[in-house]
Amino acid sequence: MTYNVRLTQNAKLDLNDIFVYLCELTKDPQIALKFNRDLKNGISELAEMPRIHPIINCDPFAFVGLRIKHIGNYNIFYRIIESEKSIHIIRILHQRREWKTILKNEII
């Protein structure tokens, strides 16, 4: 079964921020475009196999079924909404960010 993938507004902003950051860091828009494509492809793959990635095993994230997928130095946080047959991408954050604090404010 294929699920619909939806990005929250914050996830869309994250994608844009990552692109801008990589453009500034590398001074090469092609590198930023390639990584942006890699992120989008990784997100699209969730439509076919959303349960392949683990539920985060700590409260309050386990309680709401929040899952994590790693791509490069970034973590994609998402939930499966079975009643809608959809995947909601909550955030896309660098692995060094304080994701628990950031997500706690958005999930609860």
PDB file of N, CA and C in Angstrom:
ATOM      1  N   MET A   1       0.831  -1.183   0.000  1.00  0.00           N
ATOM      2  CA  MET A   1       0.000   0.000   0.000  1.00  0.00           C
ATOM      3  C   MET A   1       0.876   1.247   0.000  1.00  0.00           C
ATOM      4  N   THR A   2       0.500   2.199  -0.787  1.00  0.00           N
ATOM      5  CA  THR A   2       1.223   3.462  -0.859  1.00  0.00           C
ATOM      6  C   THR A   2       0.504   4.515  -0.015  1.00  0.00           C
ATOM      7  N   TYR A   3       1.279   5.218   0.764  1.00  0.00           N
ATOM      8  CA  TYR A   3       0.757   6.284   1.616  1.00  0.00           C
ATOM      9  C   TYR A   3       1.026   7.636   0.961  1.00  0.00           C
ATOM     10  N   ASN A   4       0.179   8.609   1.264  1.00  0.00           N
ATOM     11  CA  ASN A   4       0.429   9.985   0.849  1.00  0.00           C
ATOM     12  C   ASN A   4       1.421  10.588   1.833  1.00  0.00           C
ATOM     13  N   VAL A   5       2.374  11.337   1.306  1.00  0.00           N
ATOM     14  CA  VAL A   5       3.373  11.982   2.159  1.00  0.00           C
ATOM     15  C   VAL A   5       3.070  13.478   2.210  1.00  0.00           C
ATOM     16  N   ARG A   6       2.956  13.986   3.431  1.00  0.00           N
ATOM     17  CA  ARG A   6       2.680  15.412   3.624  1.00  0.00           C
ATOM     18  C   ARG A   6       3.755  16.015   4.515  1.00  0.00           C
ATOM     19  N   LEU A   7       4.235  17.164   4.126  1.00  0.00           N
ATOM     20  CA  LEU A   7       5.209  17.885   4.936  1.00  0.00           C
ATOM     21  C   LEU A   7       4.502  18.997   5.697  1.00  0.00           C
ATOM     22  N   THR A   8       4.811  19.098   6.981  1.00  0.00           N
ATOM     23  CA  THR A   8       4.296  20.234   7.741  1.00  0.00           C
ATOM     24  C   THR A   8       4.977  21.506   7.233  1.00  0.00           C
ATOM     25  N   GLN A   9       4.438  22.626   7.615  1.00  0.00           N
ATOM     26  CA  GLN A   9       5.062  23.899   7.230  1.00  0.00           C
ATOM     27  C   GLN A   9       6.496  23.977   7.760  1.00  0.00           C
ATOM     28  N   ASN A  10       6.704  23.506   8.988  1.00  0.00           N
ATOM     29  CA  ASN A  10       8.053  23.529   9.547  1.00  0.00           C
ATOM     30  C   ASN A  10       9.009  22.637   8.759  1.00  0.00           C
ATOM     31  N   ALA A  11       8.545  21.487   8.306  1.00  0.00           N
ATOM     32  CA  ALA A  11       9.401  20.597   7.505  1.00  0.00           C
ATOM     33  C   ALA A  11       9.760  21.257   6.171  1.00  0.00           C
ATOM     34  N   LYS A  12       8.809  21.952   5.579  1.00  0.00           N
ATOM     35  CA  LYS A  12       9.094  22.676   4.323  1.00  0.00           C
ATOM     36  C   LYS A  12      10.142  23.762   4.568  1.00  0.00           C
ATOM     37  N   LEU A  13       9.994  24.470   5.674  1.00  0.00           N
ATOM     38  CA  LEU A  13      10.983  25.495   6.025  1.00  0.00           C
ATOM     39  C   LEU A  13      12.354  24.866   6.280  1.00  0.00           C
ATOM     40  N   ASP A  14      12.352  23.700   6.940  1.00  0.00           N
ATOM     41  CA  ASP A  14      13.619  23.000   7.191  1.00  0.00           C
ATOM     42  C   ASP A  14      14.327  22.671   5.875  1.00  0.00           C
ATOM     43  N   LEU A  15      13.586  22.145   4.891  1.00  0.00           N
ATOM     44  CA  LEU A  15      14.192  21.822   3.594  1.00  0.00           C
ATOM     45  C   LEU A  15      14.821  23.052   2.961  1.00  0.00           C
ATOM     46  N   ASN A  16      14.099  24.151   2.999  1.00  0.00           N
ATOM     47  CA  ASN A  16      14.621  25.388   2.436  1.00  0.00           C
ATOM     48  C   ASN A  16      15.859  25.867   3.198  1.00  0.00           C
ATOM     49  N   ASP A  17      15.810  25.827   4.515  1.00  0.00           N
ATOM     50  CA  ASP A  17      16.941  26.268   5.338  1.00  0.00           C
ATOM     51  C   ASP A  17      18.184  25.408   5.090  1.00  0.00           C
ATOM     52  N   ILE A  18      17.975  24.104   4.928  1.00  0.00           N
ATOM     53  CA  ILE A  18      19.105  23.203   4.652  1.00  0.00           C
ATOM     54  C   ILE A  18      19.732  23.557   3.317  1.00  0.00           C
ATOM     55  N   PHE A  19      18.911  23.804   2.318  1.00  0.00           N
ATOM     56  CA  PHE A  19      19.415  24.177   1.001  1.00  0.00           C
ATOM     57  C   PHE A  19      20.231  25.470   1.070  1.00  0.00           C
ATOM     58  N   VAL A  20      19.680  26.483   1.710  1.00  0.00           N
ATOM     59  CA  VAL A  20      20.373  27.772   1.825  1.00  0.00           C
ATOM     60  C   VAL A  20      21.686  27.597   2.590  1.00  0.00           C
ATOM     61  N   TYR A  21      21.640  26.873   3.673  1.00  0.00           N
ATOM     62  CA  TYR A  21      22.843  26.633   4.480  1.00  0.00           C
ATOM     63  C   TYR A  21      23.930  25.941   3.654  1.00  0.00           C
ATOM     64  N   LEU A  22      23.562  24.898   2.922  1.00  0.00           N
ATOM     65  CA  LEU A  22      24.560  24.173   2.127  1.00  0.00           C
ATOM     66  C   LEU A  22      25.106  25.018   0.982  1.00  0.00           C
ATOM     67  N   CYS A  23      24.269  25.859   0.405  1.00  0.00           N
ATOM     68  CA  CYS A  23      24.752  26.785  -0.636  1.00  0.00           C
ATOM     69  C   CYS A  23      25.810  27.727  -0.075  1.00  0.00           C
ATOM     70  N   GLU A  24      25.530  28.268   1.105  1.00  0.00           N
ATOM     71  CA  GLU A  24      26.476  29.191   1.729  1.00  0.00           C
ATOM     72  C   GLU A  24      27.742  28.475   2.177  1.00  0.00           C
ATOM     73  N   LEU A  25      27.599  27.278   2.729  1.00  0.00           N
ATOM     74  CA  LEU A  25      28.729  26.527   3.242  1.00  0.00           C
ATOM     75  C   LEU A  25      29.666  26.066   2.132  1.00  0.00           C
ATOM     76  N   THR A  26      29.093  25.498   1.073  1.00  0.00           N
ATOM     77  CA  THR A  26      29.917  24.902   0.013  1.00  0.00           C
ATOM     78  C   THR A  26      30.243  25.883  -1.110  1.00  0.00           C
ATOM     79  N   LYS A  27      29.480  26.942  -1.209  1.00  0.00           N
ATOM     80  CA  LYS A  27      29.605  27.898  -2.318  1.00  0.00           C
ATOM     81  C   LYS A  27      29.336  27.223  -3.664  1.00  0.00           C
ATOM     82  N   ASP A  28      28.653  26.081  -3.614  1.00  0.00           N
ATOM     83  CA  ASP A  28      28.343  25.320  -4.822  1.00  0.00           C
ATOM     84  C   ASP A  28      26.878  24.887  -4.777  1.00  0.00           C
ATOM     85  N   PRO A  29      26.009  25.601  -5.498  1.00  0.00           N
ATOM     86  CA  PRO A  29      24.583  25.260  -5.475  1.00  0.00           C
ATOM     87  C   PRO A  29      24.292  23.838  -5.957  1.00  0.00           C
ATOM     88  N   GLN A  30      25.150  23.281  -6.788  1.00  0.00           N
ATOM     89  CA  GLN A  30      24.926  21.917  -7.277  1.00  0.00           C
ATOM     90  C   GLN A  30      25.003  20.898  -6.145  1.00  0.00           C
ATOM     91  N   ILE A  31      25.922  21.106  -5.224  1.00  0.00           N
ATOM     92  CA  ILE A  31      26.031  20.207  -4.070  1.00  0.00           C
ATOM     93  C   ILE A  31      24.768  20.317  -3.220  1.00  0.00           C
ATOM     94  N   ALA A  32      24.314  21.536  -3.002  1.00  0.00           N
ATOM     95  CA  ALA A  32      23.093  21.746  -2.214  1.00  0.00           C
ATOM     96  C   ALA A  32      21.882  21.137  -2.916  1.00  0.00           C
ATOM     97  N   LEU A  33      21.808  21.297  -4.233  1.00  0.00           N
ATOM     98  CA  LEU A  33      20.699  20.708  -4.986  1.00  0.00           C
ATOM     99  C   LEU A  33      20.705  19.188  -4.899  1.00  0.00           C
ATOM    100  N   LYS A  34      21.888  18.588  -5.007  1.00  0.00           N
ATOM    101  CA  LYS A  34      21.982  17.127  -4.939  1.00  0.00           C
ATOM    102  C   LYS A  34      21.521  16.629  -3.578  1.00  0.00           C
ATOM    103  N   PHE A  35      21.984  17.273  -2.511  1.00  0.00           N
ATOM    104  CA  PHE A  35      21.574  16.823  -1.184  1.00  0.00           C
ATOM    105  C   PHE A  35      20.082  17.051  -0.973  1.00  0.00           C
ATOM    106  N   ASN A  36      19.568  18.161  -1.474  1.00  0.00           N
ATOM    107  CA  ASN A  36      18.140  18.436  -1.376  1.00  0.00           C
ATOM    108  C   ASN A  36      17.340  17.346  -2.088  1.00  0.00           C
ATOM    109  N   ARG A  37      17.819  16.907  -3.253  1.00  0.00           N
ATOM    110  CA  ARG A  37      17.179  15.805  -3.974  1.00  0.00           C
ATOM    111  C   ARG A  37      17.247  14.506  -3.168  1.00  0.00           C
ATOM    112  N   ASP A  38      18.407  14.257  -2.557  1.00  0.00           N
ATOM    113  CA  ASP A  38      18.557  13.061  -1.722  1.00  0.00           C
ATOM    114  C   ASP A  38      17.549  13.061  -0.577  1.00  0.00           C
ATOM    115  N   LEU A  39      17.383  14.216   0.065  1.00  0.00           N
ATOM    116  CA  LEU A  39      16.398  14.328   1.149  1.00  0.00           C
ATOM    117  C   LEU A  39      14.982  14.067   0.631  1.00  0.00           C
ATOM    118  N   LYS A  40      14.638  14.691  -0.485  1.00  0.00           N
ATOM    119  CA  LYS A  40      13.298  14.515  -1.048  1.00  0.00           C
ATOM    120  C   LYS A  40      13.060  13.077  -1.482  1.00  0.00           C
ATOM    121  N   ASN A  41      14.071  12.434  -2.065  1.00  0.00           N
ATOM    122  CA  ASN A  41      13.933  11.023  -2.444  1.00  0.00           C
ATOM    123  C   ASN A  41      13.737  10.146  -1.208  1.00  0.00           C
ATOM    124  N   GLY A  42      14.500  10.446  -0.157  1.00  0.00           N
ATOM    125  CA  GLY A  42      14.346   9.700   1.093  1.00  0.00           C
ATOM    126  C   GLY A  42      12.960   9.854   1.684  1.00  0.00           C
ATOM    127  N   ILE A  43      12.414  11.041   1.573  1.00  0.00           N
ATOM    128  CA  ILE A  43      11.054  11.294   2.055  1.00  0.00           C
ATOM    129  C   ILE A  43      10.049  10.523   1.203  1.00  0.00           C
ATOM    130  N   SER A  44      10.232  10.556  -0.107  1.00  0.00           N
ATOM    131  CA  SER A  44       9.315   9.853  -1.016  1.00  0.00           C
ATOM    132  C   SER A  44       9.308   8.348  -0.768  1.00  0.00           C
ATOM    133  N   GLU A  45      10.461   7.794  -0.420  1.00  0.00           N
ATOM    134  CA  GLU A  45      10.557   6.357  -0.152  1.00  0.00           C
ATOM    135  C   GLU A  45       9.672   5.933   1.017  1.00  0.00           C
ATOM    136  N   LEU A  46       9.385   6.843   1.911  1.00  0.00           N
ATOM    137  CA  LEU A  46       8.529   6.525   3.057  1.00  0.00           C
ATOM    138  C   LEU A  46       7.123   6.125   2.627  1.00  0.00           C
ATOM    139  N   ALA A  47       6.682   6.579   1.471  1.00  0.00           N
ATOM    140  CA  ALA A  47       5.337   6.260   0.994  1.00  0.00           C
ATOM    141  C   ALA A  47       5.151   4.759   0.805  1.00  0.00           C
ATOM    142  N   GLU A  48       6.213   4.047   0.460  1.00  0.00           N
ATOM    143  CA  GLU A  48       6.129   2.607   0.204  1.00  0.00           C
ATOM    144  C   GLU A  48       6.395   1.763   1.452  1.00  0.00           C
ATOM    145  N   MET A  49       7.326   2.192   2.281  1.00  0.00           N
ATOM    146  CA  MET A  49       7.708   1.400   3.445  1.00  0.00           C
ATOM    147  C   MET A  49       7.878   2.288   4.687  1.00  0.00           C
ATOM    148  N   PRO A  50       6.804   2.851   5.180  1.00  0.00           N
ATOM    149  CA  PRO A  50       6.942   3.793   6.301  1.00  0.00           C
ATOM    150  C   PRO A  50       7.347   3.150   7.624  1.00  0.00           C
ATOM    151  N   ARG A  51       7.065   1.864   7.790  1.00  0.00           N
ATOM    152  CA  ARG A  51       7.346   1.217   9.072  1.00  0.00           C
ATOM    153  C   ARG A  51       8.757   0.652   9.179  1.00  0.00           C
ATOM    154  N   ILE A  52       9.560   0.825   8.147  1.00  0.00           N
ATOM    155  CA  ILE A  52      10.914   0.279   8.157  1.00  0.00           C
ATOM    156  C   ILE A  52      11.812   1.011   9.160  1.00  0.00           C
ATOM    157  N   HIS A  53      11.463   2.229   9.500  1.00  0.00           N
ATOM    158  CA  HIS A  53      12.254   3.023  10.436  1.00  0.00           C
ATOM    159  C   HIS A  53      11.611   2.973  11.819  1.00  0.00           C
ATOM    160  N   PRO A  54      12.436   3.015  12.859  1.00  0.00           N
ATOM    161  CA  PRO A  54      11.917   2.772  14.214  1.00  0.00           C
ATOM    162  C   PRO A  54      11.129   3.940  14.801  1.00  0.00           C
ATOM    163  N   ILE A  55      10.240   3.561  15.707  1.00  0.00           N
ATOM    164  CA  ILE A  55       9.584   4.560  16.556  1.00  0.00           C
ATOM    165  C   ILE A  55      10.615   4.988  17.587  1.00  0.00           C
ATOM    166  N   ILE A  56      10.668   6.273  17.859  1.00  0.00           N
ATOM    167  CA  ILE A  56      11.590   6.788  18.875  1.00  0.00           C
ATOM    168  C   ILE A  56      11.135   6.253  20.224  1.00  0.00           C
ATOM    169  N   ASN A  57      12.043   5.571  20.897  1.00  0.00           N
ATOM    170  CA  ASN A  57      11.682   4.813  22.096  1.00  0.00           C
ATOM    171  C   ASN A  57      11.872   5.609  23.387  1.00  0.00           C
ATOM    172  N   CYS A  58      11.290   6.785  23.438  1.00  0.00           N
ATOM    173  CA  CYS A  58      11.277   7.551  24.680  1.00  0.00           C
ATOM    174  C   CYS A  58      10.053   8.461  24.675  1.00  0.00           C
ATOM    175  N   ASP A  59       9.533   8.706  25.865  1.00  0.00           N
ATOM    176  CA  ASP A  59       8.358   9.566  25.980  1.00  0.00           C
ATOM    177  C   ASP A  59       8.755  11.007  25.783  1.00  0.00           C
ATOM    178  N   PRO A  60       7.891  11.817  25.224  1.00  0.00           N
ATOM    179  CA  PRO A  60       6.535  11.547  24.769  1.00  0.00           C
ATOM    180  C   PRO A  60       6.466  11.054  23.325  1.00  0.00           C
ATOM    181  N   PHE A  61       7.602  10.828  22.693  1.00  0.00           N
ATOM    182  CA  PHE A  61       7.640  10.530  21.269  1.00  0.00           C
ATOM    183  C   PHE A  61       7.099   9.151  20.928  1.00  0.00           C
ATOM    184  N   ALA A  62       7.381   8.150  21.757  1.00  0.00           N
ATOM    185  CA  ALA A  62       6.864   6.803  21.513  1.00  0.00           C
ATOM    186  C   ALA A  62       5.341   6.801  21.602  1.00  0.00           C
ATOM    187  N   PHE A  63       4.810   7.575  22.523  1.00  0.00           N
ATOM    188  CA  PHE A  63       3.366   7.626  22.739  1.00  0.00           C
ATOM    189  C   PHE A  63       2.619   8.079  21.490  1.00  0.00           C
ATOM    190  N   VAL A  64       3.194   8.993  20.726  1.00  0.00           N
ATOM    191  CA  VAL A  64       2.526   9.501  19.517  1.00  0.00           C
ATOM    192  C   VAL A  64       3.025   8.798  18.253  1.00  0.00           C
ATOM    193  N   GLY A  65       3.903   7.796  18.405  1.00  0.00           N
ATOM    194  CA  GLY A  65       4.364   7.023  17.254  1.00  0.00           C
ATOM    195  C   GLY A  65       5.336   7.770  16.353  1.00  0.00           C
ATOM    196  N   LEU A  66       6.109   8.678  16.916  1.00  0.00           N
ATOM    197  CA  LEU A  66       7.064   9.439  16.118  1.00  0.00           C
ATOM    198  C   LEU A  66       8.216   8.533  15.690  1.00  0.00           C
ATOM    199  N   ARG A  67       8.537   8.568  14.420  1.00  0.00           N
ATOM    200  CA  ARG A  67       9.605   7.747  13.842  1.00  0.00           C
ATOM    201  C   ARG A  67      10.728   8.635  13.340  1.00  0.00           C
ATOM    202  N   ILE A  68      11.880   8.001  13.098  1.00  0.00           N
ATOM    203  CA  ILE A  68      13.056   8.743  12.654  1.00  0.00           C
ATOM    204  C   ILE A  68      13.730   7.998  11.504  1.00  0.00           C
ATOM    205  N   LYS A  69      14.112   8.755  10.489  1.00  0.00           N
ATOM    206  CA  LYS A  69      14.890   8.237   9.363  1.00  0.00           C
ATOM    207  C   LYS A  69      16.116   9.127   9.219  1.00  0.00           C
ATOM    208  N   HIS A  70      17.277   8.504   9.039  1.00  0.00           N
ATOM    209  CA  HIS A  70      18.529   9.250   8.911  1.00  0.00           C
ATOM    210  C   HIS A  70      18.930   9.351   7.443  1.00  0.00           C
ATOM    211  N   ILE A  71      19.297  10.546   7.034  1.00  0.00           N
ATOM    212  CA  ILE A  71      19.885  10.766   5.712  1.00  0.00           C
ATOM    213  C   ILE A  71      21.053  11.721   5.910  1.00  0.00           C
ATOM    214  N   GLY A  72      22.248  11.219   5.661  1.00  0.00           N
ATOM    215  CA  GLY A  72      23.438  12.028   5.910  1.00  0.00           C
ATOM    216  C   GLY A  72      23.466  12.457   7.364  1.00  0.00           C
ATOM    217  N   ASN A  73      23.681  13.732   7.592  1.00  0.00           N
ATOM    218  CA  ASN A  73      23.718  14.279   8.949  1.00  0.00           C
ATOM    219  C   ASN A  73      22.362  14.777   9.425  1.00  0.00           C
ATOM    220  N   TYR A  74      21.316  14.422   8.711  1.00  0.00           N
ATOM    221  CA  TYR A  74      19.981  14.925   9.022  1.00  0.00           C
ATOM    222  C   TYR A  74      19.046  13.801   9.435  1.00  0.00           C
ATOM    223  N   ASN A  75      18.116  14.150  10.295  1.00  0.00           N
ATOM    224  CA  ASN A  75      17.090  13.227  10.763  1.00  0.00           C
ATOM    225  C   ASN A  75      15.739  13.720  10.273  1.00  0.00           C
ATOM    226  N   ILE A  76      14.990  12.804   9.685  1.00  0.00           N
ATOM    227  CA  ILE A  76      13.625  13.098   9.261  1.00  0.00           C
ATOM    228  C   ILE A  76      12.702  12.496  10.313  1.00  0.00           C
ATOM    229  N   PHE A  77      11.888  13.332  10.914  1.00  0.00           N
ATOM    230  CA  PHE A  77      10.954  12.894  11.948  1.00  0.00           C
ATOM    231  C   PHE A  77       9.553  12.862  11.344  1.00  0.00           C
ATOM    232  N   TYR A  78       8.870  11.728  11.515  1.00  0.00           N
ATOM    233  CA  TYR A  78       7.568  11.595  10.882  1.00  0.00           C
ATOM    234  C   TYR A  78       6.635  10.688  11.681  1.00  0.00           C
ATOM    235  N   ARG A  79       5.356  10.796  11.345  1.00  0.00           N
ATOM    236  CA  ARG A  79       4.320   9.956  11.947  1.00  0.00           C
ATOM    237  C   ARG A  79       3.497   9.327  10.835  1.00  0.00           C
ATOM    238  N   ILE A  80       3.050   8.120  11.098  1.00  0.00           N
ATOM    239  CA  ILE A  80       2.126   7.446  10.195  1.00  0.00           C
ATOM    240  C   ILE A  80       0.718   7.700  10.718  1.00  0.00           C
ATOM    241  N   ILE A  81      -0.135   8.239   9.861  1.00  0.00           N
ATOM    242  CA  ILE A  81      -1.535   8.471  10.219  1.00  0.00           C
ATOM    243  C   ILE A  81      -2.351   7.425   9.443  1.00  0.00           C
ATOM    244  N   GLU A  82      -2.581   6.306  10.087  1.00  0.00           N
ATOM    245  CA  GLU A  82      -3.205   5.158   9.418  1.00  0.00           C
ATOM    246  C   GLU A  82      -4.605   5.482   8.912  1.00  0.00           C
ATOM    247  N   SER A  83      -5.378   6.238   9.682  1.00  0.00           N
ATOM    248  CA  SER A  83      -6.754   6.553   9.285  1.00  0.00           C
ATOM    249  C   SER A  83      -6.809   7.359   7.981  1.00  0.00           C
ATOM    250  N   GLU A  84      -5.733   8.094   7.676  1.00  0.00           N
ATOM    251  CA  GLU A  84      -5.660   8.902   6.450  1.00  0.00           C
ATOM    252  C   GLU A  84      -4.796   8.235   5.382  1.00  0.00           C
ATOM    253  N   LYS A  85      -4.157   7.115   5.748  1.00  0.00           N
ATOM    254  CA  LYS A  85      -3.180   6.468   4.865  1.00  0.00           C
ATOM    255  C   LYS A  85      -2.133   7.490   4.423  1.00  0.00           C
ATOM    256  N   SER A  86      -1.597   8.211   5.421  1.00  0.00           N
ATOM    257  CA  SER A  86      -0.634   9.264   5.113  1.00  0.00           C
ATOM    258  C   SER A  86       0.544   9.241   6.082  1.00  0.00           C
ATOM    259  N   ILE A  87       1.606   9.850   5.621  1.00  0.00           N
ATOM    260  CA  ILE A  87       2.812  10.062   6.402  1.00  0.00           C
ATOM    261  C   ILE A  87       2.939  11.569   6.594  1.00  0.00           C
ATOM    262  N   HIS A  88       3.080  11.993   7.827  1.00  0.00           N
ATOM    263  CA  HIS A  88       3.276  13.426   8.112  1.00  0.00           C
ATOM    264  C   HIS A  88       4.731  13.629   8.509  1.00  0.00           C
ATOM    265  N   ILE A  89       5.453  14.366   7.681  1.00  0.00           N
ATOM    266  CA  ILE A  89       6.834  14.730   7.989  1.00  0.00           C
ATOM    267  C   ILE A  89       6.757  15.928   8.929  1.00  0.00           C
ATOM    268  N   ILE A  90       7.226  15.729  10.148  1.00  0.00           N
ATOM    269  CA  ILE A  90       7.111  16.770  11.175  1.00  0.00           C
ATOM    270  C   ILE A  90       8.255  17.776  11.060  1.00  0.00           C
ATOM    271  N   ARG A  91       9.482  17.268  11.039  1.00  0.00           N
ATOM    272  CA  ARG A  91      10.666  18.143  10.945  1.00  0.00           C
ATOM    273  C   ARG A  91      11.794  17.394  10.257  1.00  0.00           C
ATOM    274  N   ILE A  92      12.757  18.163   9.739  1.00  0.00           N
ATOM    275  CA  ILE A  92      14.007  17.643   9.184  1.00  0.00           C
ATOM    276  C   ILE A  92      15.112  18.444   9.861  1.00  0.00           C
ATOM    277  N   LEU A  93      15.845  17.791  10.755  1.00  0.00           N
ATOM    278  CA  LEU A  93      16.793  18.507  11.610  1.00  0.00           C
ATOM    279  C   LEU A  93      18.179  17.879  11.555  1.00  0.00           C
ATOM    280  N   HIS A  94      19.188  18.724  11.645  1.00  0.00           N
ATOM    281  CA  HIS A  94      20.564  18.231  11.727  1.00  0.00           C
ATOM    282  C   HIS A  94      20.708  17.402  12.994  1.00  0.00           C
ATOM    283  N   GLN A  95      21.490  16.348  12.905  1.00  0.00           N
ATOM    284  CA  GLN A  95      21.621  15.423  14.037  1.00  0.00           C
ATOM    285  C   GLN A  95      22.197  16.062  15.291  1.00  0.00           C
ATOM    286  N   ARG A  96      22.893  17.172  15.161  1.00  0.00           N
ATOM    287  CA  ARG A  96      23.476  17.823  16.340  1.00  0.00           C
ATOM    288  C   ARG A  96      22.529  18.797  17.031  1.00  0.00           C
ATOM    289  N   ARG A  97      21.386  19.028  16.423  1.00  0.00           N
ATOM    290  CA  ARG A  97      20.424  19.932  17.062  1.00  0.00           C
ATOM    291  C   ARG A  97      19.746  19.243  18.236  1.00  0.00           C
ATOM    292  N   GLU A  98      19.236  20.021  19.145  1.00  0.00           N
ATOM    293  CA  GLU A  98      18.523  19.504  20.315  1.00  0.00           C
ATOM    294  C   GLU A  98      17.106  19.114  19.904  1.00  0.00           C
ATOM    295  N   TRP A  99      17.021  18.031  19.132  1.00  0.00           N
ATOM    296  CA  TRP A  99      15.745  17.645  18.533  1.00  0.00           C
ATOM    297  C   TRP A  99      14.676  17.308  19.567  1.00  0.00           C
ATOM    298  N   LYS A 100      15.056  16.746  20.697  1.00  0.00           N
ATOM    299  CA  LYS A 100      14.043  16.420  21.712  1.00  0.00           C
ATOM    300  C   LYS A 100      13.330  17.672  22.203  1.00  0.00           C
ATOM    301  N   THR A 101      14.096  18.712  22.452  1.00  0.00           N
ATOM    302  CA  THR A 101      13.510  19.978  22.909  1.00  0.00           C
ATOM    303  C   THR A 101      12.652  20.594  21.817  1.00  0.00           C
ATOM    304  N   ILE A 102      13.179  20.609  20.599  1.00  0.00           N
ATOM    305  CA  ILE A 102      12.443  21.207  19.466  1.00  0.00           C
ATOM    306  C   ILE A 102      11.137  20.465  19.244  1.00  0.00           C
ATOM    307  N   LEU A 103      11.214  19.145  19.179  1.00  0.00           N
ATOM    308  CA  LEU A 103      10.014  18.358  18.863  1.00  0.00           C
ATOM    309  C   LEU A 103       9.013  18.299  20.017  1.00  0.00           C
ATOM    310  N   LYS A 104       9.505  18.327  21.235  1.00  0.00           N
ATOM    311  CA  LYS A 104       8.596  18.275  22.385  1.00  0.00           C
ATOM    312  C   LYS A 104       7.607  19.430  22.317  1.00  0.00           C
ATOM    313  N   ASN A 105       8.078  20.601  21.899  1.00  0.00           N
ATOM    314  CA  ASN A 105       7.207  21.768  21.803  1.00  0.00           C
ATOM    315  C   ASN A 105       6.208  21.647  20.660  1.00  0.00           C
ATOM    316  N   GLU A 106       6.518  20.824  19.665  1.00  0.00           N
ATOM    317  CA  GLU A 106       5.617  20.696  18.507  1.00  0.00           C
ATOM    318  C   GLU A 106       4.669  19.511  18.628  1.00  0.00           C
ATOM    319  N   ILE A 107       5.083  18.475  19.333  1.00  0.00           N
ATOM    320  CA  ILE A 107       4.289  17.261  19.412  1.00  0.00           C
ATOM    321  C   ILE A 107       3.222  17.344  20.487  1.00  0.00           C
ATOM    322  N   ILE A 108       3.578  17.964  21.595  1.00  0.00           N
ATOM    323  CA  ILE A 108       2.656  17.986  22.742  1.00  0.00           C
ATOM    324  C   ILE A 108       1.667  19.123  22.620  1.00  0.00           C
TER     325      ILE A 108
END
